[in-house]
Amino acid sequence: MTVAERNFYRTLITVLVIFLALLTFGSLGYMLLEGWSWTDSLYMTIITLSTVGFGEVRQLSPTGRIFTGVMIVMGVSATAYTFSTVAEFFVTGEFRRHIRRRRMQNRIRKLNAHFIICGYGRLGGQVVKELLQADSELVAIDVQASLRTELENLGATFVEGDATDDDILLQAGIEKAIGICCCLPNDSDNVYVALAARGLNPNLTISARANSHGSERKLKSAGVDHIINPYVASGHRMARQMLSPNIVEFMDVVMPPDTVNSEEPGILIGDILVSERSPLVGQTLAAAEIRKTTGASILAVRRQTGQIAVNPNLDFTLEAEDKLIALGTYDQLDLLATTSDDERRIYTRVHPSLSRR
């Protein structure tokens, strides 16, 4: 709840208390000054405060008339204060923002196994676009409220606020998320978000941006699984482009970096979890015949212990909780995910047409 909403509700509660106090004060006043019953006193108080113009319940004494005048003034003042508060809530657009936030919260409550992106700058914006191209559900967090329209037009859910605030992370559905990407420009903020996220969801996969080598150790200590230094990554790519231009060109053809403008269908790489219920458990790659039945190729297998078998042999035996790094089209990977009983559908998308369900 925002500060404006809290102030609005606090004001409404104050107004309600004031009206109840006026009803009590007026009823007791007529009972003591005029000797009326509590029903007549309450009715007279109500028509006086509401200024509806009805006649007096009984003939008033001079003291009663003065008391009635005081009640009218207080009633009009309280009513004017109430209307001004409500009008300000609507005129300033806070009511529209309140409805939008409610709608956003309802949408987040329906999300499951989604991603959270903290910071919608140049790096965070690219991450959001890549995930949206992969038809992934995500929630973007940023302090700039002006980004809401842009993100909603892209199809992303937006939470306005500071990602280092635990309440903001909870609003983004951190407890049901499967991954969070810390793209804040300040390394210390990324460390704090990683610590908070790990505490709120121990099973979360955390990726974080690092602007310096010194902060990488701190991020690792904070529980970050994957650390990316954009400057180092860019330098590596430029060096590879100079040293092995043919290899880099081939990889750009297979997995073009500009997936939006690419007109050639490419290939997806999937991260597929072998469930305990999967028929693949206990089978060798030869017996499973994954290539024959699904069309996907197994590039590597990551054990639950963290050990990675690259280009495993056909006699490699699959176990529960293994993660298959597979290459293929969307349909091929989808078939492999179904066989593995994995509902996450984590694929690196290459072409928009390959991830339509």
Protein backbone atom coordinates (compact mmCIF):
# COMPACT_ATOMS: atom_id res chain seq x y z
CA MET A 1 0.00 0.00 0.00
CA THR A 2 1.41 3.38 -0.99
CA VAL A 3 1.76 6.41 1.28
CA ALA A 4 -1.13 8.16 -0.52
CA GLU A 5 -3.39 5.15 0.02
CA ARG A 6 -2.47 4.92 3.69
CA ASN A 7 -3.19 8.64 4.14
CA PHE A 8 -6.51 8.28 2.34
CA TYR A 9 -7.68 5.36 4.47
CA ARG A 10 -6.41 7.05 7.62
CA THR A 11 -8.44 10.13 6.71
CA LEU A 12 -11.59 8.09 6.05
CA ILE A 13 -11.21 6.38 9.42
CA THR A 14 -10.77 9.79 11.06
CA VAL A 15 -13.92 11.09 9.36
CA LEU A 16 -15.88 8.02 10.46
CA VAL A 17 -14.74 8.50 14.06
CA ILE A 18 -15.70 12.19 13.89
CA PHE A 19 -19.22 11.38 12.65
CA LEU A 20 -19.72 8.72 15.31
CA ALA A 21 -18.52 11.18 17.94
CA LEU A 22 -20.92 13.85 16.62
CA LEU A 23 -23.83 11.40 16.69
CA THR A 24 -23.02 10.45 20.27
CA PHE A 25 -22.44 14.05 21.33
CA GLY A 26 -25.65 15.32 19.68
CA SER A 27 -27.82 12.50 21.01
CA LEU A 28 -26.57 12.97 24.57
CA GLY A 29 -26.97 16.77 24.22
CA TYR A 30 -30.66 16.58 23.23
CA MET A 31 -31.34 14.00 25.93
CA LEU A 32 -29.81 16.20 28.63
CA LEU A 33 -30.94 19.63 27.38
CA GLU A 34 -34.43 18.75 26.12
CA GLY A 35 -35.18 15.60 28.09
CA TRP A 36 -36.03 13.62 24.91
CA SER A 37 -35.84 9.86 24.45
CA TRP A 38 -32.70 8.45 22.84
CA THR A 39 -34.58 7.62 19.61
CA ASP A 40 -35.87 11.18 19.20
CA SER A 41 -32.45 12.57 20.15
CA LEU A 42 -30.63 10.34 17.65
CA TYR A 43 -33.10 11.18 14.86
CA MET A 44 -32.81 14.92 15.55
CA THR A 45 -29.01 14.63 15.52
CA ILE A 46 -29.04 12.82 12.16
CA ILE A 47 -31.32 15.31 10.39
CA THR A 48 -29.34 18.19 11.89
CA LEU A 49 -25.95 16.89 10.77
CA SER A 50 -27.25 16.00 7.31
CA THR A 51 -28.96 19.42 6.91
CA VAL A 52 -31.84 17.79 4.98
CA GLY A 53 -34.27 20.52 6.09
CA PHE A 54 -36.82 18.39 7.94
CA GLY A 55 -38.80 20.00 10.76
CA GLU A 56 -37.88 19.73 14.40
CA VAL A 57 -38.96 16.59 16.22
CA ARG A 58 -40.36 18.71 19.05
CA GLN A 59 -40.35 22.37 20.01
CA LEU A 60 -36.81 23.38 20.99
CA SER A 61 -35.87 25.52 23.94
CA PRO A 62 -33.57 28.54 23.38
CA THR A 63 -30.65 26.47 24.67
CA GLY A 64 -31.65 23.64 22.33
CA ARG A 65 -31.68 25.99 19.34
CA ILE A 66 -28.15 27.19 20.14
CA PHE A 67 -27.02 23.59 20.52
CA THR A 68 -28.65 22.72 17.17
CA GLY A 69 -26.83 25.59 15.47
CA VAL A 70 -23.51 24.34 16.82
CA MET A 71 -24.33 20.81 15.56
CA ILE A 72 -25.14 22.16 12.07
CA VAL A 73 -21.81 23.99 11.87
CA MET A 74 -19.88 20.89 12.97
CA GLY A 75 -21.84 18.65 10.61
CA VAL A 76 -21.28 20.90 7.60
CA SER A 77 -17.55 21.16 8.43
CA ALA A 78 -17.17 17.38 8.75
CA THR A 79 -19.08 16.80 5.49
CA ALA A 80 -16.98 19.36 3.61
CA TYR A 81 -13.79 17.76 4.93
CA THR A 82 -14.99 14.33 3.80
CA PHE A 83 -15.91 15.47 0.30
CA SER A 84 -12.64 17.35 -0.15
CA THR A 85 -10.65 14.26 0.86
CA VAL A 86 -12.55 11.95 -1.48
CA ALA A 87 -12.44 14.48 -4.33
CA GLU A 88 -8.67 14.87 -3.93
CA PHE A 89 -8.26 11.08 -4.09
CA PHE A 90 -10.11 10.98 -7.42
CA VAL A 91 -8.87 14.24 -8.98
CA THR A 92 -5.17 13.53 -8.39
CA GLY A 93 -5.52 10.17 -10.16
CA GLU A 94 -4.73 8.21 -7.00
CA PHE A 95 -7.97 6.25 -7.36
CA ARG A 96 -6.99 5.17 -10.88
CA ARG A 97 -3.54 4.16 -9.65
CA HIS A 98 -5.16 2.31 -6.77
CA ILE A 99 -7.36 0.30 -9.15
CA ARG A 100 -4.35 -0.41 -11.38
CA ARG A 101 -2.32 -1.63 -8.41
CA ARG A 102 -5.18 -3.88 -7.30
CA ARG A 103 -5.44 -5.32 -10.79
CA MET A 104 -1.69 -5.84 -10.86
CA GLN A 105 -1.71 -7.61 -7.49
CA ASN A 106 -4.49 -9.90 -8.65
CA ARG A 107 -2.46 -10.75 -11.72
CA ILE A 108 0.66 -11.45 -9.65
CA ARG A 109 -1.30 -13.73 -7.31
CA LYS A 110 -2.16 -15.88 -10.33
CA LEU A 111 1.48 -16.15 -11.42
CA ASN A 112 3.49 -19.25 -10.66
CA ALA A 113 7.10 -20.08 -11.57
CA HIS A 114 7.71 -16.59 -12.94
CA PHE A 115 10.79 -14.38 -13.11
CA ILE A 116 11.48 -11.09 -11.31
CA ILE A 117 13.61 -8.39 -12.91
CA CYS A 118 14.95 -5.72 -10.55
CA GLY A 119 15.83 -2.54 -12.43
CA TYR A 120 14.56 -1.63 -15.89
CA GLY A 121 17.64 0.09 -17.27
CA ARG A 122 19.57 -0.84 -20.39
CA LEU A 123 20.53 -4.26 -19.04
CA GLY A 124 17.24 -4.98 -17.30
CA GLY A 125 15.29 -3.84 -20.35
CA GLN A 126 17.13 -6.33 -22.54
CA VAL A 127 16.49 -9.13 -20.03
CA VAL A 128 12.77 -8.26 -19.99
CA LYS A 129 12.56 -8.32 -23.78
CA GLU A 130 14.37 -11.66 -24.02
CA LEU A 131 12.11 -13.26 -21.42
CA LEU A 132 8.97 -11.89 -23.03
CA GLN A 133 10.12 -13.24 -26.39
CA ALA A 134 10.36 -16.64 -24.68
CA ASP A 135 6.74 -16.27 -23.53
CA SER A 136 7.90 -16.26 -19.90
CA GLU A 137 5.84 -14.69 -17.14
CA LEU A 138 7.73 -11.94 -15.37
CA VAL A 139 7.41 -9.06 -12.96
CA ALA A 140 9.59 -5.98 -13.41
CA ILE A 141 10.48 -3.79 -10.41
CA ASP A 142 11.63 -0.19 -10.75
CA VAL A 143 11.31 3.05 -8.81
CA GLN A 144 10.22 5.03 -11.88
CA ALA A 145 6.44 5.06 -12.09
CA SER A 146 6.63 6.40 -15.66
CA LEU A 147 7.80 2.97 -16.85
CA ARG A 148 4.45 1.35 -16.03
CA THR A 149 2.79 2.12 -19.37
CA GLU A 150 5.79 0.96 -21.40
CA LEU A 151 6.10 -2.33 -19.53
CA GLU A 152 2.38 -3.05 -19.57
CA ASN A 153 2.32 -2.41 -23.32
CA LEU A 154 5.10 -4.99 -23.66
CA GLY A 155 3.01 -7.47 -21.69
CA ALA A 156 5.00 -7.39 -18.46
CA THR A 157 3.66 -6.94 -14.95
CA PHE A 158 5.13 -3.90 -13.21
CA VAL A 159 5.67 -3.17 -9.53
CA GLU A 160 6.67 0.36 -8.62
CA GLY A 161 9.11 0.57 -5.74
CA ASP A 162 12.58 -0.10 -4.40
CA ALA A 163 13.67 -3.70 -5.02
CA THR A 164 15.75 -3.62 -1.81
CA ASP A 165 12.48 -3.42 0.15
CA ASP A 166 11.23 -6.85 1.25
CA ASP A 167 7.61 -5.71 0.92
CA ILE A 168 8.18 -4.84 -2.74
CA LEU A 169 9.69 -8.27 -3.39
CA LEU A 170 6.69 -9.89 -1.72
CA GLN A 171 4.36 -7.80 -3.89
CA ALA A 172 6.23 -9.17 -6.91
CA GLY A 173 5.47 -12.73 -5.79
CA ILE A 174 9.01 -13.65 -4.73
CA GLU A 175 7.75 -16.70 -2.85
CA LYS A 176 6.38 -18.30 -6.03
CA ALA A 177 9.09 -17.10 -8.44
CA ILE A 178 11.69 -19.43 -9.91
CA GLY A 179 14.28 -16.81 -10.74
CA ILE A 180 15.29 -13.24 -10.04
CA CYS A 181 17.67 -11.03 -12.00
CA CYS A 182 19.34 -8.18 -10.11
CA CYS A 183 20.09 -5.51 -12.71
CA LEU A 184 20.43 -2.52 -10.41
CA PRO A 185 23.33 -0.15 -11.24
CA ASN A 186 24.64 -0.22 -7.67
CA ASP A 187 26.48 -3.42 -6.70
CA SER A 188 25.63 -3.02 -3.01
CA ASP A 189 21.92 -2.87 -3.89
CA ASN A 190 22.26 -6.08 -5.91
CA VAL A 191 23.93 -7.76 -2.93
CA TYR A 192 21.10 -6.66 -0.64
CA VAL A 193 18.41 -7.82 -3.07
CA ALA A 194 20.14 -11.20 -3.42
CA LEU A 195 20.27 -11.64 0.36
CA ALA A 196 16.63 -10.67 0.76
CA ALA A 197 15.51 -12.86 -2.13
CA ARG A 198 17.42 -15.89 -0.83
CA GLY A 199 15.84 -15.43 2.60
CA LEU A 200 12.32 -15.15 1.17
CA ASN A 201 12.72 -18.03 -1.30
CA PRO A 202 15.64 -20.45 -0.68
CA ASN A 203 14.96 -22.36 -3.93
CA LEU A 204 15.25 -19.27 -6.12
CA THR A 205 17.76 -19.06 -8.96
CA ILE A 206 19.51 -15.70 -8.63
CA SER A 207 21.40 -13.88 -11.38
CA ALA A 208 23.05 -10.57 -10.69
CA ARG A 209 24.94 -7.83 -12.45
CA ALA A 210 28.46 -7.01 -11.22
CA ASN A 211 30.18 -3.80 -12.23
CA SER A 212 33.54 -4.65 -10.63
CA HIS A 213 35.57 -7.74 -9.84
CA GLY A 214 35.56 -6.86 -6.16
CA SER A 215 31.79 -7.12 -5.92
CA GLU A 216 31.65 -10.59 -7.50
CA ARG A 217 32.88 -12.22 -4.29
CA LYS A 218 30.27 -10.37 -2.24
CA LEU A 219 27.51 -11.39 -4.64
CA LYS A 220 28.63 -15.00 -4.46
CA SER A 221 28.57 -14.83 -0.66
CA ALA A 222 25.06 -13.38 -0.84
CA GLY A 223 23.86 -16.54 -2.58
CA VAL A 224 23.92 -15.43 -6.21
CA ASP A 225 24.01 -18.40 -8.58
CA HIS A 226 25.08 -16.59 -11.74
CA ILE A 227 27.11 -13.38 -11.85
CA ILE A 228 27.42 -11.39 -15.06
CA ASN A 229 29.79 -8.51 -15.57
CA PRO A 230 28.44 -6.77 -18.73
CA TYR A 231 31.80 -5.16 -19.46
CA VAL A 232 33.70 -8.45 -19.19
CA ALA A 233 31.07 -10.26 -21.26
CA SER A 234 31.25 -7.62 -23.99
CA GLY A 235 35.04 -7.75 -23.95
CA HIS A 236 35.02 -11.53 -24.28
CA ARG A 237 32.69 -11.38 -27.25
CA MET A 238 34.76 -8.71 -28.99
CA ALA A 239 37.93 -10.76 -28.43
CA ARG A 240 36.28 -13.92 -29.78
CA GLN A 241 35.04 -11.95 -32.77
CA MET A 242 38.61 -10.97 -33.56
CA LEU A 243 40.21 -14.34 -32.82
CA SER A 244 37.53 -16.67 -34.23
CA PRO A 245 35.22 -14.67 -36.50
CA ASN A 246 33.93 -17.78 -38.31
CA ILE A 247 32.85 -19.47 -35.09
CA VAL A 248 31.14 -16.35 -33.80
CA GLU A 249 29.41 -15.87 -37.14
CA PHE A 250 28.19 -19.47 -37.04
CA MET A 251 26.80 -19.02 -33.53
CA ASP A 252 25.02 -15.85 -34.63
CA VAL A 253 23.37 -17.80 -37.44
CA VAL A 254 22.33 -20.63 -35.12
CA MET A 255 21.29 -18.30 -32.29
CA PRO A 256 21.07 -14.76 -33.66
CA PRO A 257 21.38 -12.09 -30.98
CA ASP A 258 18.69 -9.97 -32.59
CA THR A 259 15.80 -12.39 -32.29
CA VAL A 260 13.20 -9.77 -33.03
CA ASN A 261 14.50 -8.91 -36.49
CA SER A 262 15.64 -12.42 -37.36
CA GLU A 263 13.69 -13.93 -40.23
CA GLU A 264 15.40 -17.33 -40.21
CA PRO A 265 14.15 -19.95 -37.75
CA GLY A 266 16.90 -20.81 -35.34
CA ILE A 267 17.42 -23.33 -32.57
CA LEU A 268 16.47 -23.28 -28.91
CA ILE A 269 18.48 -24.55 -25.98
CA GLY A 270 16.37 -25.97 -23.18
CA ASP A 271 17.04 -26.47 -19.48
CA ILE A 272 14.87 -29.49 -18.73
CA LEU A 273 14.48 -31.10 -15.31
CA VAL A 274 14.03 -34.87 -15.10
CA SER A 275 11.26 -35.43 -12.56
CA GLU A 276 11.09 -38.43 -10.24
CA ARG A 277 7.92 -39.45 -12.10
CA SER A 278 9.62 -39.38 -15.50
CA PRO A 279 10.09 -42.69 -17.35
CA LEU A 280 13.62 -41.49 -18.19
CA VAL A 281 14.80 -42.10 -14.61
CA GLY A 282 17.12 -45.09 -14.48
CA GLN A 283 17.52 -45.35 -18.24
CA THR A 284 20.69 -44.86 -20.22
CA LEU A 285 20.73 -42.36 -23.06
CA ALA A 286 20.91 -45.27 -25.48
CA ALA A 287 17.81 -46.92 -24.02
CA ALA A 288 15.92 -43.63 -23.73
CA GLU A 289 16.43 -42.89 -27.46
CA ILE A 290 15.78 -39.20 -26.83
CA ARG A 291 17.04 -38.13 -30.23
CA LYS A 292 14.81 -40.68 -31.98
CA THR A 293 11.63 -40.06 -29.95
CA THR A 294 11.81 -36.28 -29.53
CA GLY A 295 14.30 -35.00 -32.11
CA ALA A 296 16.20 -33.05 -29.44
CA SER A 297 19.92 -33.49 -28.87
CA ILE A 298 21.43 -33.73 -25.37
CA LEU A 299 24.43 -31.40 -25.05
CA ALA A 300 25.08 -31.88 -21.34
CA VAL A 301 23.58 -33.24 -18.14
CA ARG A 302 23.89 -31.47 -14.81
CA ARG A 303 23.62 -33.63 -11.73
CA GLN A 304 21.91 -32.41 -8.57
CA THR A 305 25.37 -32.29 -6.98
CA GLY A 306 26.45 -29.69 -9.55
CA GLN A 307 28.59 -32.04 -11.63
CA ILE A 308 28.18 -31.46 -15.36
CA ALA A 309 28.66 -34.18 -17.98
CA VAL A 310 29.32 -32.51 -21.33
CA ASN A 311 28.38 -34.51 -24.43
CA PRO A 312 27.60 -37.60 -22.32
CA ASN A 313 28.10 -41.12 -23.69
CA LEU A 314 25.19 -43.35 -24.64
CA ASP A 315 25.76 -45.49 -21.53
CA PHE A 316 25.18 -42.46 -19.29
CA THR A 317 22.34 -43.27 -16.85
CA LEU A 318 19.78 -40.58 -16.10
CA GLU A 319 18.75 -39.88 -12.52
CA ALA A 320 15.93 -37.95 -10.89
CA GLU A 321 16.61 -34.19 -10.57
CA ASP A 322 19.07 -34.30 -13.49
CA LYS A 323 18.94 -31.21 -15.69
CA LEU A 324 19.21 -31.85 -19.40
CA ILE A 325 20.78 -29.15 -21.56
CA ALA A 326 19.16 -29.96 -24.89
CA LEU A 327 19.20 -28.47 -28.38
CA GLY A 328 16.20 -28.46 -30.70
CA THR A 329 13.11 -26.68 -31.92
CA TYR A 330 10.38 -25.62 -29.55
CA ASP A 331 8.22 -28.64 -30.39
CA GLN A 332 11.14 -31.01 -29.89
CA LEU A 333 12.08 -29.50 -26.54
CA ASP A 334 8.43 -29.40 -25.52
CA LEU A 335 8.12 -33.11 -26.23
CA LEU A 336 11.29 -33.81 -24.22
CA ALA A 337 9.97 -31.68 -21.34
CA THR A 338 6.72 -33.65 -21.39
CA THR A 339 8.65 -36.93 -21.28
CA SER A 340 10.77 -35.56 -18.42
CA ASP A 341 7.62 -34.36 -16.61
CA ASP A 342 8.98 -30.81 -16.44
CA GLU A 343 6.37 -28.03 -16.48
CA ARG A 344 8.83 -25.11 -16.29
CA ARG A 345 9.54 -24.81 -20.03
CA ILE A 346 12.83 -22.90 -19.68
CA TYR A 347 14.10 -22.41 -23.22
CA THR A 348 16.47 -19.89 -24.75
CA ARG A 349 14.37 -18.47 -27.52
CA VAL A 350 15.75 -17.74 -30.96
CA HIS A 351 12.77 -16.95 -33.14
CA PRO A 352 9.33 -15.76 -32.08
CA SER A 353 7.49 -18.41 -34.06
CA LEU A 354 9.21 -21.20 -32.15
CA SER A 355 7.67 -20.40 -28.79
CA ARG A 356 4.02 -20.09 -29.64
CA ARG A 357 1.93 -22.54 -27.68
